[in-house]
Amino acid sequence: SSGINAEYGRRCARRCLTESPTRMRVSPNHERTIVDQLFEIGAIQVMVSTRQLAWGSPIAGHLVIIMDTQYYDGKEHRYVDYPITDMLQMVGRANRPLHDQNGVCVVMCQ
């Protein structure tokens, strides 16, 4: 169970689009939970995420697009390859065994 139904999800999504975040008074953790639930029920169909959120978010999708295999390290002033564990975690998000027979992951590199 997603915790919220589809109609509530649609109302919540409309409210998020029309009201400013300061008026809504939603904490970042609660906001992330709402977004995860809206994605799960289909009220949000596309989610853009950082590699760190791939570890903390419980959601999965049919299609995952990884935009590169490197990130910019500001302290080192250079691009660094993602650890293989991060890549596997992001690829693993293309897995919805209750909804699809297979998942798709596209890795886009320079």
N, C-alpha and C. Protein backbone atom coordinates (compact mmCIF):
# COMPACT_ATOMS: atom_id res chain seq x y z
N SER A 1 0.83 -1.18 0.00
CA SER A 1 0.00 0.00 0.00
C SER A 1 0.88 1.24 0.00
N SER A 2 0.53 2.23 -0.78
CA SER A 2 1.36 3.42 -0.95
C SER A 2 1.19 4.42 0.19
N GLY A 3 0.15 4.29 0.97
CA GLY A 3 -0.06 5.23 2.06
C GLY A 3 -1.01 6.37 1.68
N ILE A 4 -1.15 6.65 0.39
CA ILE A 4 -2.10 7.67 -0.06
C ILE A 4 -2.81 7.15 -1.30
N ASN A 5 -4.05 7.56 -1.50
CA ASN A 5 -4.77 7.10 -2.68
C ASN A 5 -4.55 8.05 -3.85
N ALA A 6 -4.98 7.63 -5.02
CA ALA A 6 -4.71 8.39 -6.25
C ALA A 6 -5.34 9.78 -6.23
N GLU A 7 -6.59 9.89 -5.76
CA GLU A 7 -7.26 11.20 -5.76
C GLU A 7 -6.55 12.17 -4.81
N TYR A 8 -6.18 11.71 -3.64
CA TYR A 8 -5.42 12.54 -2.71
C TYR A 8 -4.09 12.95 -3.34
N GLY A 9 -3.47 12.01 -4.05
CA GLY A 9 -2.20 12.30 -4.72
C GLY A 9 -2.34 13.39 -5.75
N ARG A 10 -3.42 13.34 -6.55
CA ARG A 10 -3.64 14.39 -7.55
C ARG A 10 -3.87 15.75 -6.89
N ARG A 11 -4.67 15.77 -5.81
CA ARG A 11 -4.91 17.04 -5.10
C ARG A 11 -3.61 17.58 -4.54
N CYS A 12 -2.81 16.69 -3.97
CA CYS A 12 -1.54 17.10 -3.38
C CYS A 12 -0.60 17.64 -4.46
N ALA A 13 -0.55 16.97 -5.62
CA ALA A 13 0.30 17.42 -6.71
C ALA A 13 -0.15 18.80 -7.21
N ARG A 14 -1.47 19.01 -7.36
CA ARG A 14 -1.97 20.33 -7.79
C ARG A 14 -1.58 21.40 -6.78
N ARG A 15 -1.71 21.08 -5.51
CA ARG A 15 -1.36 22.05 -4.46
C ARG A 15 0.13 22.38 -4.51
N CYS A 16 0.96 21.36 -4.72
CA CYS A 16 2.40 21.59 -4.80
C CYS A 16 2.76 22.49 -5.98
N LEU A 17 1.99 22.38 -7.07
CA LEU A 17 2.28 23.18 -8.26
C LEU A 17 1.76 24.60 -8.14
N THR A 18 0.73 24.83 -7.31
CA THR A 18 0.12 26.16 -7.26
C THR A 18 0.52 26.98 -6.04
N GLU A 19 0.99 26.33 -4.98
CA GLU A 19 1.35 27.07 -3.77
C GLU A 19 2.86 27.08 -3.58
N SER A 20 3.34 28.13 -2.96
CA SER A 20 4.77 28.21 -2.70
C SER A 20 5.14 27.27 -1.55
N PRO A 21 6.36 26.72 -1.56
CA PRO A 21 6.77 25.81 -0.49
C PRO A 21 6.73 26.45 0.90
N THR A 22 6.96 27.76 0.98
CA THR A 22 6.94 28.41 2.29
C THR A 22 5.52 28.47 2.84
N ARG A 23 4.52 28.61 1.97
CA ARG A 23 3.13 28.62 2.44
C ARG A 23 2.68 27.24 2.88
N MET A 24 3.22 26.20 2.25
CA MET A 24 2.79 24.84 2.56
C MET A 24 3.37 24.36 3.89
N ARG A 25 4.51 24.91 4.30
CA ARG A 25 5.17 24.52 5.55
C ARG A 25 5.39 23.01 5.62
N VAL A 26 6.08 22.48 4.64
CA VAL A 26 6.38 21.06 4.57
C VAL A 26 7.88 20.89 4.78
N SER A 27 8.26 20.01 5.69
CA SER A 27 9.68 19.77 5.93
C SER A 27 10.27 19.00 4.74
N PRO A 28 11.58 19.14 4.48
CA PRO A 28 12.20 18.42 3.36
C PRO A 28 12.01 16.90 3.44
N ASN A 29 12.08 16.32 4.63
CA ASN A 29 11.88 14.87 4.75
C ASN A 29 10.45 14.47 4.41
N HIS A 30 9.49 15.27 4.89
CA HIS A 30 8.08 14.99 4.58
C HIS A 30 7.82 15.21 3.09
N GLU A 31 8.44 16.23 2.53
CA GLU A 31 8.29 16.52 1.11
C GLU A 31 8.79 15.33 0.27
N ARG A 32 9.92 14.77 0.66
CA ARG A 32 10.47 13.63 -0.08
C ARG A 32 9.54 12.42 0.02
N THR A 33 8.95 12.20 1.19
CA THR A 33 8.00 11.10 1.36
C THR A 33 6.80 11.30 0.47
N ILE A 34 6.29 12.52 0.41
CA ILE A 34 5.14 12.82 -0.45
C ILE A 34 5.49 12.56 -1.91
N VAL A 35 6.65 13.03 -2.34
CA VAL A 35 7.07 12.84 -3.74
C VAL A 35 7.21 11.34 -4.05
N ASP A 36 7.82 10.58 -3.14
CA ASP A 36 7.96 9.13 -3.34
C ASP A 36 6.59 8.48 -3.50
N GLN A 37 5.64 8.86 -2.65
CA GLN A 37 4.31 8.27 -2.71
C GLN A 37 3.57 8.68 -3.98
N LEU A 38 3.71 9.95 -4.38
CA LEU A 38 3.07 10.40 -5.62
C LEU A 38 3.63 9.66 -6.83
N PHE A 39 4.93 9.41 -6.84
CA PHE A 39 5.54 8.65 -7.93
C PHE A 39 5.03 7.21 -7.92
N GLU A 40 4.93 6.63 -6.76
CA GLU A 40 4.49 5.24 -6.63
C GLU A 40 3.08 5.02 -7.16
N ILE A 41 2.18 5.98 -6.93
CA ILE A 41 0.80 5.81 -7.39
C ILE A 41 0.59 6.33 -8.81
N GLY A 42 1.62 6.92 -9.41
CA GLY A 42 1.51 7.37 -10.80
C GLY A 42 1.10 8.81 -10.99
N ALA A 43 0.95 9.58 -9.90
CA ALA A 43 0.60 10.99 -10.04
C ALA A 43 1.79 11.79 -10.59
N ILE A 44 2.99 11.31 -10.34
CA ILE A 44 4.22 11.86 -10.94
C ILE A 44 4.81 10.76 -11.79
N GLN A 45 5.10 11.05 -13.05
CA GLN A 45 5.58 10.00 -13.95
C GLN A 45 7.07 10.08 -14.22
N VAL A 46 7.70 11.20 -13.94
CA VAL A 46 9.13 11.36 -14.16
C VAL A 46 9.74 11.91 -12.87
N MET A 47 10.81 11.29 -12.43
CA MET A 47 11.51 11.79 -11.24
C MET A 47 12.98 11.96 -11.59
N VAL A 48 13.53 13.10 -11.22
CA VAL A 48 14.95 13.38 -11.40
C VAL A 48 15.57 13.31 -10.01
N SER A 49 16.67 12.56 -9.89
CA SER A 49 17.23 12.29 -8.58
C SER A 49 18.75 12.37 -8.63
N THR A 50 19.34 12.62 -7.49
CA THR A 50 20.80 12.55 -7.37
C THR A 50 21.20 11.11 -7.07
N ARG A 51 22.48 10.83 -7.19
CA ARG A 51 22.92 9.47 -6.89
C ARG A 51 22.76 9.14 -5.42
N GLN A 52 22.84 10.15 -4.54
CA GLN A 52 22.65 9.91 -3.12
C GLN A 52 21.22 9.46 -2.83
N LEU A 53 20.24 10.04 -3.53
CA LEU A 53 18.86 9.65 -3.31
C LEU A 53 18.56 8.24 -3.81
N ALA A 54 19.38 7.73 -4.73
CA ALA A 54 19.18 6.36 -5.18
C ALA A 54 19.36 5.38 -4.01
N TRP A 55 20.17 5.77 -3.03
CA TRP A 55 20.37 4.92 -1.86
C TRP A 55 19.25 5.08 -0.85
N GLY A 56 18.67 6.27 -0.74
CA GLY A 56 17.71 6.53 0.33
C GLY A 56 16.26 6.43 -0.07
N SER A 57 15.97 6.40 -1.36
CA SER A 57 14.59 6.39 -1.81
C SER A 57 14.14 4.96 -2.11
N PRO A 58 12.95 4.58 -1.66
CA PRO A 58 12.49 3.21 -1.86
C PRO A 58 11.81 2.96 -3.21
N ILE A 59 11.77 3.95 -4.07
CA ILE A 59 11.00 3.79 -5.31
C ILE A 59 11.82 3.16 -6.42
N ALA A 60 11.11 2.59 -7.38
CA ALA A 60 11.72 2.01 -8.56
C ALA A 60 10.86 2.38 -9.77
N GLY A 61 11.47 2.40 -10.93
CA GLY A 61 10.74 2.73 -12.15
C GLY A 61 11.04 1.73 -13.24
N HIS A 62 10.23 1.75 -14.28
CA HIS A 62 10.46 0.87 -15.42
C HIS A 62 11.72 1.29 -16.17
N LEU A 63 11.94 2.60 -16.30
CA LEU A 63 13.08 3.13 -17.04
C LEU A 63 13.90 4.02 -16.13
N VAL A 64 15.20 3.75 -16.08
CA VAL A 64 16.15 4.58 -15.35
C VAL A 64 17.18 5.09 -16.34
N ILE A 65 17.42 6.39 -16.34
CA ILE A 65 18.44 6.98 -17.20
C ILE A 65 19.52 7.55 -16.31
N ILE A 66 20.74 7.09 -16.49
CA ILE A 66 21.88 7.60 -15.74
C ILE A 66 22.63 8.52 -16.68
N MET A 67 22.74 9.79 -16.30
CA MET A 67 23.25 10.81 -17.21
C MET A 67 24.76 10.80 -17.40
N ASP A 68 25.51 10.15 -16.57
CA ASP A 68 26.95 10.03 -16.77
C ASP A 68 27.49 9.05 -15.76
N THR A 69 28.71 8.64 -15.91
CA THR A 69 29.33 7.71 -14.97
C THR A 69 30.34 8.43 -14.08
N GLN A 70 30.32 9.76 -14.15
CA GLN A 70 31.24 10.56 -13.35
C GLN A 70 30.50 11.71 -12.68
N TYR A 71 31.09 12.22 -11.61
CA TYR A 71 30.57 13.42 -10.96
C TYR A 71 31.75 14.37 -10.73
N TYR A 72 31.43 15.65 -10.56
CA TYR A 72 32.48 16.64 -10.35
C TYR A 72 32.78 16.76 -8.87
N ASP A 73 34.03 16.54 -8.50
CA ASP A 73 34.48 16.69 -7.12
C ASP A 73 35.05 18.09 -6.97
N GLY A 74 34.32 18.96 -6.28
CA GLY A 74 34.72 20.35 -6.13
C GLY A 74 36.00 20.54 -5.32
N LYS A 75 36.25 19.65 -4.38
CA LYS A 75 37.48 19.75 -3.58
C LYS A 75 38.71 19.41 -4.41
N GLU A 76 38.57 18.40 -5.26
CA GLU A 76 39.69 17.96 -6.09
C GLU A 76 39.76 18.72 -7.42
N HIS A 77 38.67 19.43 -7.76
CA HIS A 77 38.56 20.16 -9.04
C HIS A 77 38.77 19.24 -10.23
N ARG A 78 38.08 18.08 -10.18
CA ARG A 78 38.19 17.13 -11.29
C ARG A 78 36.96 16.22 -11.28
N TYR A 79 36.77 15.53 -12.39
CA TYR A 79 35.69 14.55 -12.49
C TYR A 79 36.19 13.21 -11.96
N VAL A 80 35.31 12.53 -11.22
CA VAL A 80 35.64 11.26 -10.59
C VAL A 80 34.58 10.24 -11.00
N ASP A 81 35.01 9.02 -11.29
CA ASP A 81 34.06 7.96 -11.62
C ASP A 81 33.19 7.63 -10.42
N TYR A 82 31.90 7.34 -10.68
CA TYR A 82 31.05 6.84 -9.62
C TYR A 82 31.60 5.51 -9.14
N PRO A 83 31.53 5.23 -7.85
CA PRO A 83 31.87 3.89 -7.39
C PRO A 83 30.92 2.87 -8.02
N ILE A 84 31.41 1.66 -8.26
CA ILE A 84 30.58 0.63 -8.89
C ILE A 84 29.33 0.35 -8.05
N THR A 85 29.43 0.47 -6.75
CA THR A 85 28.26 0.24 -5.89
C THR A 85 27.16 1.27 -6.17
N ASP A 86 27.54 2.53 -6.42
CA ASP A 86 26.55 3.56 -6.76
C ASP A 86 25.91 3.26 -8.11
N MET A 87 26.71 2.84 -9.08
CA MET A 87 26.17 2.51 -10.40
C MET A 87 25.17 1.34 -10.29
N LEU A 88 25.54 0.32 -9.55
CA LEU A 88 24.65 -0.83 -9.39
C LEU A 88 23.37 -0.45 -8.67
N GLN A 89 23.45 0.44 -7.70
CA GLN A 89 22.27 0.90 -6.98
C GLN A 89 21.33 1.67 -7.92
N MET A 90 21.90 2.54 -8.76
CA MET A 90 21.08 3.31 -9.71
C MET A 90 20.46 2.39 -10.76
N VAL A 91 21.24 1.45 -11.29
CA VAL A 91 20.72 0.49 -12.27
C VAL A 91 19.60 -0.34 -11.64
N GLY A 92 19.79 -0.72 -10.40
CA GLY A 92 18.80 -1.53 -9.70
C GLY A 92 17.47 -0.86 -9.49
N ARG A 93 17.39 0.44 -9.65
CA ARG A 93 16.11 1.15 -9.52
C ARG A 93 15.17 0.86 -10.69
N ALA A 94 15.69 0.26 -11.76
CA ALA A 94 14.85 -0.15 -12.90
C ALA A 94 14.35 -1.55 -12.61
N ASN A 95 13.57 -1.70 -11.57
CA ASN A 95 13.12 -3.01 -11.14
C ASN A 95 11.78 -2.87 -10.43
N ARG A 96 10.72 -3.30 -11.12
CA ARG A 96 9.39 -3.28 -10.51
C ARG A 96 8.76 -4.65 -10.70
N PRO A 97 9.15 -5.64 -9.93
CA PRO A 97 8.71 -7.01 -10.18
C PRO A 97 7.19 -7.20 -10.11
N LEU A 98 6.48 -6.37 -9.38
CA LEU A 98 5.03 -6.51 -9.31
C LEU A 98 4.32 -5.86 -10.49
N HIS A 99 5.03 -5.00 -11.26
CA HIS A 99 4.41 -4.26 -12.36
C HIS A 99 4.93 -4.68 -13.73
N ASP A 100 6.21 -5.00 -13.85
CA ASP A 100 6.84 -5.27 -15.14
C ASP A 100 7.59 -6.60 -15.09
N GLN A 101 7.73 -7.21 -16.27
CA GLN A 101 8.56 -8.41 -16.36
C GLN A 101 10.04 -8.04 -16.49
N ASN A 102 10.31 -6.83 -16.96
CA ASN A 102 11.70 -6.39 -17.06
C ASN A 102 11.77 -4.89 -16.84
N GLY A 103 12.98 -4.42 -16.59
CA GLY A 103 13.25 -2.99 -16.44
C GLY A 103 14.30 -2.58 -17.44
N VAL A 104 14.41 -1.28 -17.67
CA VAL A 104 15.36 -0.76 -18.65
C VAL A 104 16.22 0.30 -17.99
N CYS A 105 17.52 0.21 -18.22
CA CYS A 105 18.44 1.22 -17.75
C CYS A 105 19.29 1.70 -18.93
N VAL A 106 19.34 3.01 -19.10
CA VAL A 106 20.14 3.61 -20.15
C VAL A 106 21.24 4.42 -19.46
N VAL A 107 22.49 4.13 -19.80
CA VAL A 107 23.63 4.87 -19.25
C VAL A 107 24.18 5.76 -20.36
N MET A 108 24.10 7.07 -20.16
CA MET A 108 24.55 8.02 -21.16
C MET A 108 25.92 8.57 -20.72
N CYS A 109 26.92 8.36 -21.57
CA CYS A 109 28.28 8.79 -21.24
C CYS A 109 28.81 9.74 -22.32
N GLN A 110 29.81 10.51 -21.94
CA GLN A 110 30.45 11.39 -22.93
C GLN A 110 31.47 10.62 -23.70
